[in-house]
C-alpha atoms as a PDB file:
ATOM      1  CA  MET A   1      -0.030  -0.102   0.001  1.00  0.00           C
ATOM      2  CA  ASN A   2       1.320   3.349  -0.750  1.00  0.00           C
ATOM      3  CA  ARG A   3       1.186   6.417   1.728  1.00  0.00           C
ATOM      4  CA  SER A   4      -2.032   7.908  -0.087  1.00  0.00           C
ATOM      5  CA  THR A   5      -3.972   4.689  -0.015  1.00  0.00           C
ATOM      6  CA  LEU A   6      -3.023   4.366   3.811  1.00  0.00           C
ATOM      7  CA  SER A   7      -4.085   7.985   4.342  1.00  0.00           C
ATOM      8  CA  VAL A   8      -7.458   7.383   2.703  1.00  0.00           C
ATOM      9  CA  CYS A   9      -7.973   3.931   4.646  1.00  0.00           C
ATOM     10  CA  ALA A  10      -7.303   5.609   7.986  1.00  0.00           C
ATOM     11  CA  LEU A  11      -9.764   8.563   7.094  1.00  0.00           C
ATOM     12  CA  THR A  12     -12.467   6.048   6.085  1.00  0.00           C
ATOM     13  CA  LEU A  13     -11.887   4.103   9.357  1.00  0.00           C
ATOM     14  CA  ALA A  14     -12.047   7.278  11.257  1.00  0.00           C
ATOM     15  CA  VAL A  15     -15.294   8.557   9.838  1.00  0.00           C
ATOM     16  CA  MET A  16     -16.958   4.999  10.154  1.00  0.00           C
ATOM     17  CA  ALA A  17     -15.980   4.918  13.991  1.00  0.00           C
ATOM     18  CA  ALA A  18     -17.633   8.416  14.536  1.00  0.00           C
ATOM     19  CA  LEU A  19     -20.674   7.501  12.655  1.00  0.00           C
ATOM     20  CA  ALA A  20     -20.885   3.816  14.128  1.00  0.00           C
ATOM     21  CA  PRO A  21     -23.794   3.569  16.841  1.00  0.00           C
ATOM     22  CA  SER A  22     -22.738   3.246  20.502  1.00  0.00           C
ATOM     23  CA  GLY A  23     -23.976   0.929  23.025  1.00  0.00           C
ATOM     24  CA  ALA A  24     -27.041  -0.845  22.229  1.00  0.00           C
ATOM     25  CA  GLY A  25     -28.233   1.350  19.437  1.00  0.00           C
ATOM     26  CA  ALA A  26     -30.035   0.159  16.200  1.00  0.00           C
ATOM     27  CA  GLN A  27     -27.868  -0.863  13.277  1.00  0.00           C
ATOM     28  CA  CYS A  28     -28.591  -1.532   9.547  1.00  0.00           C
ATOM     29  CA  THR A  29     -26.375  -2.614   6.792  1.00  0.00           C
ATOM     30  CA  ALA A  30     -26.888  -2.617   3.067  1.00  0.00           C
ATOM     31  CA  SER A  31     -24.749  -3.521   0.128  1.00  0.00           C
ATOM     32  CA  GLY A  32     -25.059  -4.224  -3.463  1.00  0.00           C
ATOM     33  CA  ASN A  33     -27.091  -2.285  -6.101  1.00  0.00           C
ATOM     34  CA  GLY A  34     -30.507  -1.091  -4.898  1.00  0.00           C
ATOM     35  CA  GLY A  35     -29.852  -2.218  -1.430  1.00  0.00           C
ATOM     36  CA  SER A  36     -31.870  -0.377   1.350  1.00  0.00           C
ATOM     37  CA  CYS A  37     -31.856  -0.524   5.150  1.00  0.00           C
ATOM     38  CA  THR A  38     -34.522   0.381   7.572  1.00  0.00           C
ATOM     39  CA  VAL A  39     -34.335   0.859  11.278  1.00  0.00           C
ATOM     40  CA  ALA A  40     -37.388   1.976  13.544  1.00  0.00           C
ATOM     41  CA  THR A  41     -36.775   4.630  16.257  1.00  0.00           C
ATOM     42  CA  SER A  42     -38.951   6.085  18.808  1.00  0.00           C
ATOM     43  CA  THR A  43     -39.513   9.447  20.283  1.00  0.00           C
ATOM     44  CA  SER A  44     -40.915  10.688  23.473  1.00  0.00           C
ATOM     45  CA  MET A  45     -41.635  14.023  25.200  1.00  0.00           C
ATOM     46  CA  THR A  46     -43.118  15.328  28.489  1.00  0.00           C
ATOM     47  CA  ALA A  47     -45.751  18.038  28.290  1.00  0.00           C
ATOM     48  CA  GLY A  48     -46.205  19.836  31.720  1.00  0.00           C
ATOM     49  CA  ARG A  49     -49.018  22.104  32.875  1.00  0.00           C
ATOM     50  CA  VAL A  50     -49.192  25.060  30.857  1.00  0.00           C
ATOM     51  CA  ILE A  51     -51.671  27.964  32.141  1.00  0.00           C
ATOM     52  CA  ARG A  52     -51.901  31.314  30.605  1.00  0.00           C
ATOM     53  CA  MET A  53     -53.996  34.463  31.757  1.00  0.00           C
ATOM     54  CA  GLN A  54     -54.274  37.477  29.572  1.00  0.00           C
ATOM     55  CA  LEU A  55     -55.888  40.782  30.523  1.00  0.00           C
ATOM     56  CA  SER A  56     -57.490  43.177  28.198  1.00  0.00           C
ATOM     57  CA  ALA A  57     -56.126  46.147  30.445  1.00  0.00           C
ATOM     58  CA  THR A  58     -53.804  46.236  33.506  1.00  0.00           C
ATOM     59  CA  SER A  59     -55.936  49.092  34.880  1.00  0.00           C
ATOM     60  CA  THR A  60     -59.568  50.199  35.307  1.00  0.00           C
ATOM     61  CA  THR A  61     -60.598  53.904  35.744  1.00  0.00           C
ATOM     62  CA  LEU A  62     -63.918  53.545  37.989  1.00  0.00           C
ATOM     63  CA  THR A  63     -66.851  55.556  36.851  1.00  0.00           C
ATOM     64  CA  ALA A  64     -66.748  58.970  39.013  1.00  0.00           C
ATOM     65  CA  PRO A  65     -69.700  59.251  41.364  1.00  0.00           C
ATOM     66  CA  THR A  66     -72.659  61.440  40.675  1.00  0.00           C
ATOM     67  CA  PRO A  67     -75.231  62.770  43.027  1.00  0.00           C
ATOM     68  CA  THR A  68     -77.399  60.084  41.921  1.00  0.00           C
ATOM     69  CA  ASP A  69     -74.736  57.386  42.871  1.00  0.00           C
ATOM     70  CA  PHE A  70     -74.304  58.882  46.174  1.00  0.00           C
ATOM     71  CA  ASP A  71     -78.175  58.617  46.675  1.00  0.00           C
ATOM     72  CA  ALA A  72     -78.073  55.082  45.532  1.00  0.00           C
ATOM     73  CA  GLY A  73     -75.058  54.099  47.515  1.00  0.00           C
ATOM     74  CA  PHE A  74     -72.980  52.813  44.518  1.00  0.00           C
ATOM     75  CA  ASN A  75     -72.376  53.019  40.827  1.00  0.00           C
ATOM     76  CA  SER A  76     -70.804  50.353  38.292  1.00  0.00           C
ATOM     77  CA  THR A  77     -68.038  50.061  35.917  1.00  0.00           C
ATOM     78  CA  THR A  78     -67.058  47.130  33.465  1.00  0.00           C
ATOM     79  CA  GLY A  79     -63.533  46.164  34.374  1.00  0.00           C
ATOM     80  CA  PRO A  80     -61.042  44.066  32.176  1.00  0.00           C
ATOM     81  CA  THR A  81     -61.719  40.910  30.271  1.00  0.00           C
ATOM     82  CA  VAL A  82     -59.758  37.937  31.419  1.00  0.00           C
ATOM     83  CA  THR A  83     -58.816  35.202  29.077  1.00  0.00           C
ATOM     84  CA  ILE A  84     -57.669  31.791  30.386  1.00  0.00           C
ATOM     85  CA  SER A  85     -55.850  29.027  28.307  1.00  0.00           C
ATOM     86  CA  ALA A  86     -54.822  25.838  29.871  1.00  0.00           C
ATOM     87  CA  ASN A  87     -53.968  22.292  29.144  1.00  0.00           C
ATOM     88  CA  ALA A  88     -55.293  21.040  32.514  1.00  0.00           C
ATOM     89  CA  ALA A  89     -57.743  21.919  35.338  1.00  0.00           C
ATOM     90  CA  TRP A  90     -57.261  25.576  36.526  1.00  0.00           C
ATOM     91  CA  ARG A  91     -58.749  28.049  39.140  1.00  0.00           C
ATOM     92  CA  LEU A  92     -58.622  31.952  38.986  1.00  0.00           C
ATOM     93  CA  TYR A  93     -58.820  33.923  42.137  1.00  0.00           C
ATOM     94  CA  LEU A  94     -58.765  37.721  43.001  1.00  0.00           C
ATOM     95  CA  ARG A  95     -58.238  39.775  46.058  1.00  0.00           C
ATOM     96  CA  SER A  96     -57.303  43.279  47.105  1.00  0.00           C
ATOM     97  CA  SER A  97     -53.497  43.846  47.821  1.00  0.00           C
ATOM     98  CA  THR A  98     -54.410  46.005  50.902  1.00  0.00           C
ATOM     99  CA  ALA A  99     -57.344  46.336  53.282  1.00  0.00           C
ATOM    100  CA  VAL A 100     -57.790  49.988  52.376  1.00  0.00           C
ATOM    101  CA  TRP A 101     -57.690  52.261  49.260  1.00  0.00           C
ATOM    102  CA  SER A 102     -54.929  54.597  48.934  1.00  0.00           C
ATOM    103  CA  ALA A 103     -56.130  58.242  49.059  1.00  0.00           C
ATOM    104  CA  THR A 104     -54.700  61.638  47.851  1.00  0.00           C
ATOM    105  CA  THR A 105     -56.186  64.835  48.809  1.00  0.00           C
ATOM    106  CA  THR A 106     -57.192  67.089  46.005  1.00  0.00           C
ATOM    107  CA  SER A 107     -59.596  69.655  47.608  1.00  0.00           C
ATOM    108  CA  PRO A 108     -58.051  71.938  50.255  1.00  0.00           C
ATOM    109  CA  GLY A 109     -60.035  71.863  53.429  1.00  0.00           C
ATOM    110  CA  ALA A 110     -61.420  68.466  52.601  1.00  0.00           C
ATOM    111  CA  PRO A 111     -58.873  65.690  53.227  1.00  0.00           C
ATOM    112  CA  ALA A 112     -59.337  62.286  51.282  1.00  0.00           C
ATOM    113  CA  ARG A 113     -60.775  59.353  53.040  1.00  0.00           C
ATOM    114  CA  THR A 114     -57.621  57.439  54.328  1.00  0.00           C
ATOM    115  CA  ASN A 115     -59.645  54.452  55.655  1.00  0.00           C
ATOM    116  CA  LYS A 116     -61.860  53.557  52.754  1.00  0.00           C
ATOM    117  CA  PRO A 117     -62.182  49.659  53.063  1.00  0.00           C
ATOM    118  CA  ALA A 118     -61.281  47.466  49.936  1.00  0.00           C
ATOM    119  CA  GLY A 119     -64.710  45.862  50.568  1.00  0.00           C
ATOM    120  CA  ASP A 120     -66.318  49.235  49.224  1.00  0.00           C
ATOM    121  CA  LEU A 121     -65.286  47.687  45.836  1.00  0.00           C
ATOM    122  CA  SER A 122     -67.398  44.579  44.854  1.00  0.00           C
ATOM    123  CA  TRP A 123     -66.887  42.398  41.959  1.00  0.00           C
ATOM    124  CA  SER A 124     -69.060  39.999  39.576  1.00  0.00           C
ATOM    125  CA  THR A 125     -68.496  38.076  36.507  1.00  0.00           C
ATOM    126  CA  ASN A 126     -71.992  39.170  35.422  1.00  0.00           C
ATOM    127  CA  VAL A 127     -73.323  42.654  35.000  1.00  0.00           C
ATOM    128  CA  ALA A 128     -76.515  41.981  36.702  1.00  0.00           C
ATOM    129  CA  GLY A 129     -75.077  39.182  38.767  1.00  0.00           C
ATOM    130  CA  SER A 130     -74.630  39.299  42.605  1.00  0.00           C
ATOM    131  CA  PHE A 131     -71.645  41.296  43.620  1.00  0.00           C
ATOM    132  CA  VAL A 132     -69.091  39.986  46.205  1.00  0.00           C
ATOM    133  CA  GLN A 133     -67.159  42.470  48.288  1.00  0.00           C
ATOM    134  CA  LEU A 134     -63.303  42.510  47.781  1.00  0.00           C
ATOM    135  CA  THR A 135     -61.069  41.412  50.792  1.00  0.00           C
ATOM    136  CA  THR A 136     -57.381  40.448  50.940  1.00  0.00           C
ATOM    137  CA  SER A 137     -58.167  36.790  50.969  1.00  0.00           C
ATOM    138  CA  ASP A 138     -58.306  35.006  47.675  1.00  0.00           C
ATOM    139  CA  ALA A 139     -61.767  34.694  46.420  1.00  0.00           C
ATOM    140  CA  SER A 140     -62.701  31.951  43.604  1.00  0.00           C
ATOM    141  CA  LEU A 141     -63.339  33.924  40.601  1.00  0.00           C
ATOM    142  CA  ALA A 142     -63.716  31.029  37.942  1.00  0.00           C
ATOM    143  CA  ALA A 143     -62.633  27.416  37.325  1.00  0.00           C
ATOM    144  CA  GLY A 144     -62.476  25.347  34.471  1.00  0.00           C
ATOM    145  CA  THR A 145     -60.899  22.467  32.603  1.00  0.00           C
ATOM    146  CA  ALA A 146     -58.344  22.348  29.551  1.00  0.00           C
ATOM    147  CA  THR A 147     -59.478  25.129  27.317  1.00  0.00           C
ATOM    148  CA  ALA A 148     -57.828  27.121  24.391  1.00  0.00           C
ATOM    149  CA  SER A 149     -59.863  30.174  25.759  1.00  0.00           C
ATOM    150  CA  THR A 150     -62.195  30.839  28.596  1.00  0.00           C
ATOM    151  CA  VAL A 151     -63.170  34.543  28.814  1.00  0.00           C
ATOM    152  CA  ASN A 152     -64.452  36.266  31.885  1.00  0.00           C
ATOM    153  CA  THR A 153     -65.276  40.076  32.043  1.00  0.00           C
ATOM    154  CA  LEU A 154     -64.989  41.459  35.677  1.00  0.00           C
ATOM    155  CA  HIS A 155     -67.736  44.146  36.464  1.00  0.00           C
ATOM    156  CA  PHE A 156     -67.234  46.399  39.615  1.00  0.00           C
ATOM    157  CA  ARG A 157     -69.599  48.060  41.985  1.00  0.00           C
ATOM    158  CA  THR A 158     -68.223  50.802  44.096  1.00  0.00           C
ATOM    159  CA  ALA A 159     -69.892  51.850  47.173  1.00  0.00           C
ATOM    160  CA  TYR A 160     -70.328  55.574  48.157  1.00  0.00           C
ATOM    161  CA  ALA A 161     -71.496  57.361  51.207  1.00  0.00           C
ATOM    162  CA  TRP A 162     -72.175  61.180  51.234  1.00  0.00           C
ATOM    163  CA  THR A 163     -70.924  61.636  54.724  1.00  0.00           C
ATOM    164  CA  LEU A 164     -67.667  59.243  54.381  1.00  0.00           C
ATOM    165  CA  ASP A 165     -66.296  59.616  50.667  1.00  0.00           C
ATOM    166  CA  THR A 166     -64.709  63.074  50.538  1.00  0.00           C
ATOM    167  CA  PRO A 167     -63.003  64.411  47.358  1.00  0.00           C
ATOM    168  CA  GLY A 168     -59.976  62.721  46.555  1.00  0.00           C
ATOM    169  CA  ASP A 169     -57.935  60.455  44.261  1.00  0.00           C
ATOM    170  CA  TYR A 170     -58.520  56.803  45.261  1.00  0.00           C
ATOM    171  CA  GLY A 171     -56.613  53.815  44.130  1.00  0.00           C
ATOM    172  CA  LEU A 172     -56.820  50.092  44.990  1.00  0.00           C
ATOM    173  CA  THR A 173     -54.480  47.275  43.685  1.00  0.00           C
ATOM    174  CA  ILE A 174     -56.300  44.010  42.668  1.00  0.00           C
ATOM    175  CA  VAL A 175     -54.424  40.800  42.391  1.00  0.00           C
ATOM    176  CA  LEU A 176     -55.613  37.935  40.045  1.00  0.00           C
ATOM    177  CA  SER A 177     -53.967  34.577  40.587  1.00  0.00           C
ATOM    178  CA  LEU A 178     -54.113  31.701  38.131  1.00  0.00           C
ATOM    179  CA  THR A 179     -53.449  28.184  39.441  1.00  0.00           C
ATOM    180  CA  SER A 180     -53.578  24.719  38.186  1.00  0.00           C
ATOM    181  CA  PRO A 181     -54.044  22.088  41.077  1.00  0.00           C
END
């Protein structure tokens, strides 16, 4: 054998060794014209729980109260739409992050109410449905099974009292939590 043939043979053996299956893998050999070789293989994957919550808006400006609202004791505002997608059972909760609203005085001589309770904001998923007062504990808003998109619209009802709700800018953070048990 001459030197160039030896180099080609060494290169061929190195490539074959690199491509050869290791361990207990499958093998296939074919030779001759029109030879073919088939080896079956399998694949696997693990799909974990996947849940997604999308909000149509991350803030809601509540309807400013009118004299009629003060007389009635409340007014209503449509809040964000919550869309849930999940490949397993899920539960959606909501709560207030604090027991009282934040309050900023806007009218000299009339300080904003610093003790307006979170419960002065009630919620429902039905505009005409029963409203539930907001608390700092998780309240079950909705639940479901695997879904491409379940939609819930939040509706808010804000309580007002002539003698308590002084002029001011008020704010309350609502926390939505999506879980998959």
